[in-house]
Amino acid sequence: MRAQYRGRVDNRQVIGSWLSGPREAAEQAGADFGYRGEQLGLPEEGPGSIARPGRRFGALAVDWGLCLLIAYGLLTHGYNQTTGNWALLVFLGLGFLTVGTVGFTPGKRLFGLRVVAEGTGRVNPLRAVVRTVLLCLAIPALIWDRDGRGLHDRLARTVEVRI
């Protein structure tokens, strides 16, 4: 009887680890991952810490809305089938110009975020081009590492931090 009860507890732990995710299961097994950004030498909280996904998605929504508005009003003179394509081109230009010069887009500034280079802190225009092109492809931005950085940030060697 005791063996069956013991088996149920183990099954609950297995199911619990599946529901909570592999990171929590590994931490319960004794692995120490630290906080997001620790490997990059960034603080855990406050200015300079890795931006959380909610702020990043909010900034992206503001930037995309702004680009749609520009494409709708200035380029296509009303909504039609090409408005989304023009908005993507405007988004590319916005990323090249703003991230490559000041380190943030209007949406990022509104949400208190900035893009910085890993070693130097200032993003050069080539890194901004690589990052923005990969962001527009969407798939690299949806693959994250344990620090919460997208593949587009890893390949461009940039980090999105809080201001």
Protein backbone atom coordinates (compact mmCIF):
# COMPACT_ATOMS: atom_id res chain seq x y z
CA MET A 1 0.00 0.00 0.00
CA ARG A 2 2.79 2.35 0.85
CA ALA A 3 4.51 1.79 -2.53
CA GLN A 4 1.37 2.79 -4.39
CA TYR A 5 1.04 5.97 -2.36
CA ARG A 6 4.66 6.76 -2.93
CA GLY A 7 4.21 6.27 -6.67
CA ARG A 8 1.33 8.73 -6.69
CA VAL A 9 3.46 11.39 -5.06
CA ASP A 10 6.17 10.86 -7.65
CA ASN A 11 3.61 11.09 -10.43
CA ARG A 12 2.32 14.36 -9.00
CA GLN A 13 5.84 15.75 -8.93
CA VAL A 14 6.37 14.71 -12.54
CA ILE A 15 3.09 16.27 -13.63
CA GLY A 16 3.81 19.37 -11.55
CA SER A 17 7.21 19.79 -13.18
CA TRP A 18 5.62 19.42 -16.60
CA LEU A 19 3.06 22.12 -15.80
CA SER A 20 5.55 24.55 -14.28
CA GLY A 21 8.11 24.14 -17.04
CA PRO A 22 11.61 22.79 -17.42
CA ARG A 23 13.31 25.74 -15.69
CA GLU A 24 11.46 25.24 -12.42
CA ALA A 25 11.95 21.49 -12.56
CA ALA A 26 15.70 21.97 -13.06
CA GLU A 27 15.83 24.51 -10.22
CA GLN A 28 14.07 22.02 -7.93
CA ALA A 29 16.70 19.45 -8.92
CA GLY A 30 19.42 21.84 -7.75
CA ALA A 31 20.41 23.82 -10.85
CA ASP A 32 21.08 27.52 -10.27
CA PHE A 33 20.23 29.65 -13.30
CA GLY A 34 20.44 32.98 -11.53
CA TYR A 35 18.36 35.92 -12.70
CA ARG A 36 17.79 37.13 -16.25
CA GLY A 37 20.77 39.10 -17.46
CA GLU A 38 23.22 37.85 -14.83
CA GLN A 39 25.43 36.25 -17.48
CA LEU A 40 25.58 39.59 -19.30
CA GLY A 41 26.55 41.50 -16.15
CA LEU A 42 23.25 43.37 -15.95
CA PRO A 43 21.40 44.20 -12.71
CA GLU A 44 18.44 42.11 -11.62
CA GLU A 45 15.99 45.02 -11.22
CA GLY A 46 15.74 48.68 -12.12
CA PRO A 47 17.54 50.68 -14.83
CA GLY A 48 19.83 48.57 -16.99
CA SER A 49 18.03 45.29 -16.26
CA ILE A 50 16.65 43.10 -19.04
CA ALA A 51 13.28 44.32 -20.30
CA ARG A 52 10.31 42.10 -19.47
CA PRO A 53 8.16 40.64 -22.27
CA GLY A 54 5.08 42.73 -21.44
CA ARG A 55 6.90 46.01 -21.97
CA ARG A 56 8.56 44.71 -25.11
CA PHE A 57 5.26 43.61 -26.65
CA GLY A 58 3.65 46.91 -25.67
CA ALA A 59 6.43 48.88 -27.34
CA LEU A 60 6.17 46.70 -30.44
CA ALA A 61 2.39 47.29 -30.60
CA VAL A 62 2.86 51.06 -30.35
CA ASP A 63 5.54 51.05 -33.05
CA TRP A 64 3.46 48.84 -35.35
CA GLY A 65 0.39 51.03 -34.83
CA LEU A 66 2.42 54.12 -35.65
CA CYS A 67 3.78 52.49 -38.82
CA LEU A 68 0.27 51.41 -39.86
CA LEU A 69 -0.97 54.94 -39.30
CA ILE A 70 1.85 56.37 -41.46
CA ALA A 71 1.22 53.79 -44.20
CA TYR A 72 -2.54 54.37 -44.04
CA GLY A 73 -2.41 58.15 -44.13
CA LEU A 74 0.64 59.04 -46.16
CA LEU A 75 1.42 56.16 -48.48
CA THR A 76 -1.77 54.32 -49.44
CA HIS A 77 -4.35 57.10 -48.85
CA GLY A 78 -6.75 54.74 -47.14
CA TYR A 79 -6.76 51.08 -46.17
CA ASN A 80 -6.19 48.59 -48.95
CA GLN A 81 -4.30 45.34 -49.48
CA THR A 82 -0.88 46.98 -49.62
CA THR A 83 -1.15 48.96 -46.37
CA GLY A 84 0.41 46.14 -44.32
CA ASN A 85 3.32 45.81 -46.74
CA TRP A 86 3.99 49.54 -46.63
CA ALA A 87 3.71 49.47 -42.83
CA LEU A 88 6.40 46.77 -42.73
CA LEU A 89 8.70 48.93 -44.87
CA VAL A 90 8.04 51.93 -42.61
CA PHE A 91 8.78 49.69 -39.60
CA LEU A 92 12.11 48.69 -41.19
CA GLY A 93 13.02 52.33 -41.75
CA LEU A 94 11.93 53.29 -38.25
CA GLY A 95 14.12 50.57 -36.75
CA PHE A 96 17.15 51.45 -38.88
CA LEU A 97 16.97 55.14 -38.14
CA THR A 98 15.97 55.24 -34.49
CA VAL A 99 17.68 52.18 -32.98
CA GLY A 100 20.84 52.85 -34.98
CA THR A 101 21.09 56.46 -33.80
CA VAL A 102 19.44 56.98 -30.39
CA GLY A 103 18.91 53.36 -29.32
CA PHE A 104 15.10 53.31 -29.11
CA THR A 105 11.95 53.62 -31.19
CA PRO A 106 9.01 55.80 -30.13
CA GLY A 107 7.28 52.77 -28.59
CA LYS A 108 10.38 51.72 -26.68
CA ARG A 109 10.82 55.26 -25.36
CA LEU A 110 7.18 55.35 -24.27
CA PHE A 111 7.63 52.09 -22.33
CA GLY A 112 11.03 53.07 -20.90
CA LEU A 113 13.20 50.69 -22.95
CA ARG A 114 16.45 51.03 -24.85
CA VAL A 115 18.49 48.76 -27.12
CA VAL A 116 22.18 48.55 -26.21
CA ALA A 117 25.09 46.60 -27.65
CA GLU A 118 26.53 43.80 -25.50
CA GLY A 119 30.03 45.14 -25.02
CA THR A 120 30.03 48.80 -25.94
CA GLY A 121 26.55 49.94 -24.95
CA ARG A 122 25.92 51.94 -28.11
CA VAL A 123 24.29 50.18 -31.05
CA ASN A 124 26.07 50.84 -34.32
CA PRO A 125 23.96 51.11 -37.49
CA LEU A 126 25.00 47.69 -38.81
CA ARG A 127 23.76 45.96 -35.65
CA ALA A 128 20.53 47.96 -35.89
CA VAL A 129 20.03 46.78 -39.49
CA VAL A 130 20.63 43.13 -38.57
CA ARG A 131 18.35 43.36 -35.54
CA THR A 132 15.52 45.09 -37.40
CA VAL A 133 15.59 42.77 -40.41
CA LEU A 134 15.48 39.71 -38.14
CA LEU A 135 12.70 41.30 -36.08
CA CYS A 136 10.65 41.80 -39.26
CA LEU A 137 11.07 38.11 -40.09
CA ALA A 138 9.27 37.43 -36.75
CA ILE A 139 10.56 33.88 -36.20
CA PRO A 140 13.91 34.95 -34.66
CA ALA A 141 12.04 37.28 -32.30
CA LEU A 142 9.86 34.41 -31.06
CA ILE A 143 12.80 32.20 -30.05
CA TRP A 144 14.12 33.29 -26.65
CA ASP A 145 17.06 32.24 -24.55
CA ARG A 146 17.05 31.86 -20.77
CA ASP A 147 17.86 35.56 -20.33
CA GLY A 148 14.70 36.50 -22.21
CA ARG A 149 16.53 37.77 -25.29
CA GLY A 150 15.20 36.95 -28.71
CA LEU A 151 17.33 35.27 -31.35
CA HIS A 152 17.36 38.57 -33.26
CA ASP A 153 19.04 40.23 -30.25
CA ARG A 154 21.55 37.40 -29.83
CA LEU A 155 22.58 37.47 -33.50
CA ALA A 156 22.91 41.26 -33.50
CA ARG A 157 24.66 41.09 -30.09
CA THR A 158 22.24 43.55 -28.55
CA VAL A 159 20.15 43.64 -25.37
CA GLU A 160 16.86 45.42 -24.72
CA VAL A 161 17.07 46.99 -21.26
CA ARG A 162 14.97 49.24 -19.06
CA ILE A 163 15.92 52.90 -18.92
